[in-house]
C-alpha atoms as a PDB file:
ATOM      1  CA  UNK A   1       1.199  -3.424 -34.681  1.00  0.00           C
ATOM      2  CA  UNK A   2      -1.920  -5.490 -35.238  1.00  0.00           C
ATOM      3  CA  UNK A   3      -5.301  -5.143 -36.808  1.00  0.00           C
ATOM      4  CA  UNK A   4      -7.609  -2.409 -35.540  1.00  0.00           C
ATOM      5  CA  UNK A   5     -10.351  -4.866 -34.558  1.00  0.00           C
ATOM      6  CA  UNK A   6      -8.183  -6.805 -32.122  1.00  0.00           C
ATOM      7  CA  UNK A   7      -9.433  -7.216 -28.605  1.00  0.00           C
ATOM      8  CA  UNK A   8      -7.304  -6.005 -25.695  1.00  0.00           C
ATOM      9  CA  UNK A   9      -6.619  -9.647 -24.803  1.00  0.00           C
ATOM     10  CA  UNK A  10      -5.269 -10.328 -28.301  1.00  0.00           C
ATOM     11  CA  UNK A  11      -3.089  -7.236 -28.154  1.00  0.00           C
ATOM     12  CA  UNK A  12      -1.786  -8.314 -24.752  1.00  0.00           C
ATOM     13  CA  UNK A  13      -0.946 -11.749 -26.166  1.00  0.00           C
ATOM     14  CA  UNK A  14       1.011 -10.180 -29.036  1.00  0.00           C
ATOM     15  CA  UNK A  15       2.898  -7.969 -26.591  1.00  0.00           C
ATOM     16  CA  UNK A  16       3.744 -10.973 -24.373  1.00  0.00           C
ATOM     17  CA  UNK A  17       4.887 -13.079 -27.331  1.00  0.00           C
ATOM     18  CA  UNK A  18       7.128 -10.288 -28.605  1.00  0.00           C
ATOM     19  CA  UNK A  19       8.458  -9.666 -25.102  1.00  0.00           C
ATOM     20  CA  UNK A  20       9.412 -13.336 -24.664  1.00  0.00           C
ATOM     21  CA  UNK A  21      10.966 -13.522 -28.139  1.00  0.00           C
ATOM     22  CA  UNK A  22      13.139 -10.483 -27.434  1.00  0.00           C
ATOM     23  CA  UNK A  23      13.982 -11.737 -23.935  1.00  0.00           C
ATOM     24  CA  UNK A  24      15.357 -15.002 -25.322  1.00  0.00           C
ATOM     25  CA  UNK A  25      17.323 -13.149 -28.022  1.00  0.00           C
ATOM     26  CA  UNK A  26      19.277 -11.278 -25.335  1.00  0.00           C
ATOM     27  CA  UNK A  27      22.447 -13.280 -24.541  1.00  0.00           C
ATOM     28  CA  UNK A  28      22.424 -11.871 -20.993  1.00  0.00           C
ATOM     29  CA  UNK A  29      19.331 -13.943 -20.166  1.00  0.00           C
ATOM     30  CA  UNK A  30      21.324 -17.171 -20.508  1.00  0.00           C
ATOM     31  CA  UNK A  31      22.650 -16.567 -16.987  1.00  0.00           C
ATOM     32  CA  UNK A  32      19.306 -17.598 -15.484  1.00  0.00           C
ATOM     33  CA  UNK A  33      17.739 -20.884 -14.525  1.00  0.00           C
ATOM     34  CA  UNK A  34      14.023 -20.975 -15.293  1.00  0.00           C
ATOM     35  CA  UNK A  35      14.323 -18.381 -18.041  1.00  0.00           C
ATOM     36  CA  UNK A  36      10.595 -18.355 -18.765  1.00  0.00           C
ATOM     37  CA  UNK A  37       9.905 -17.667 -15.085  1.00  0.00           C
ATOM     38  CA  UNK A  38      12.320 -14.724 -15.216  1.00  0.00           C
ATOM     39  CA  UNK A  39      10.643 -13.454 -18.385  1.00  0.00           C
ATOM     40  CA  UNK A  40       7.291 -13.724 -16.641  1.00  0.00           C
ATOM     41  CA  UNK A  41       8.499 -11.765 -13.616  1.00  0.00           C
ATOM     42  CA  UNK A  42       9.933  -9.051 -15.844  1.00  0.00           C
ATOM     43  CA  UNK A  43       6.757  -8.956 -17.933  1.00  0.00           C
ATOM     44  CA  UNK A  44       4.715  -8.380 -14.790  1.00  0.00           C
ATOM     45  CA  UNK A  45       6.882  -5.347 -13.976  1.00  0.00           C
ATOM     46  CA  UNK A  46       6.795  -3.992 -17.533  1.00  0.00           C
ATOM     47  CA  UNK A  47       3.088  -4.651 -17.933  1.00  0.00           C
ATOM     48  CA  UNK A  48       2.269  -2.602 -14.820  1.00  0.00           C
ATOM     49  CA  UNK A  49       4.538   0.293 -15.829  1.00  0.00           C
ATOM     50  CA  UNK A  50       3.465   3.110 -18.113  1.00  0.00           C
ATOM     51  CA  UNK A  51       6.407   2.437 -20.473  1.00  0.00           C
ATOM     52  CA  UNK A  52       6.179   0.510 -23.727  1.00  0.00           C
ATOM     53  CA  UNK A  53       5.381  -3.170 -23.232  1.00  0.00           C
ATOM     54  CA  UNK A  54       8.620  -4.391 -24.793  1.00  0.00           C
ATOM     55  CA  UNK A  55      11.744  -6.165 -23.594  1.00  0.00           C
ATOM     56  CA  UNK A  56      15.154  -4.557 -23.918  1.00  0.00           C
ATOM     57  CA  UNK A  57      18.397  -5.239 -22.109  1.00  0.00           C
ATOM     58  CA  UNK A  58      17.776  -2.277 -19.810  1.00  0.00           C
ATOM     59  CA  UNK A  59      14.660  -4.073 -18.547  1.00  0.00           C
ATOM     60  CA  UNK A  60      16.909  -6.806 -17.191  1.00  0.00           C
ATOM     61  CA  UNK A  61      19.229  -4.245 -15.648  1.00  0.00           C
ATOM     62  CA  UNK A  62      16.367  -2.236 -14.128  1.00  0.00           C
ATOM     63  CA  UNK A  63      14.826  -5.240 -12.378  1.00  0.00           C
ATOM     64  CA  UNK A  64      18.010  -7.183 -11.637  1.00  0.00           C
ATOM     65  CA  UNK A  65      17.271  -7.358  -7.901  1.00  0.00           C
ATOM     66  CA  UNK A  66      13.888  -8.979  -8.537  1.00  0.00           C
ATOM     67  CA  UNK A  67      15.379 -11.785 -10.664  1.00  0.00           C
ATOM     68  CA  UNK A  68      18.705 -12.240  -8.856  1.00  0.00           C
ATOM     69  CA  UNK A  69      17.528 -15.449  -7.175  1.00  0.00           C
ATOM     70  CA  UNK A  70      17.264 -17.165 -10.576  1.00  0.00           C
ATOM     71  CA  UNK A  71      20.909 -16.674 -11.578  1.00  0.00           C
ATOM     72  CA  UNK A  72      22.857 -19.843 -12.259  1.00  0.00           C
ATOM     73  CA  UNK A  73      25.574 -20.582  -9.722  1.00  0.00           C
END
């Protein structure tokens, strides 16, 4: 992923940047207002889980209840 001498904060930043990039690539995320807020909420869930710190469409499906309030009308 990155260089071996990276600090945990740098690694976390890379993970977040990749997560957001992949989030915005998913066409399903267009259904939300405040997309960056939704990405942030999902990142919080993913970051606390023991799974890989990456976004995939199943992430959106798994936490759909948590982000439901941000859907466009």
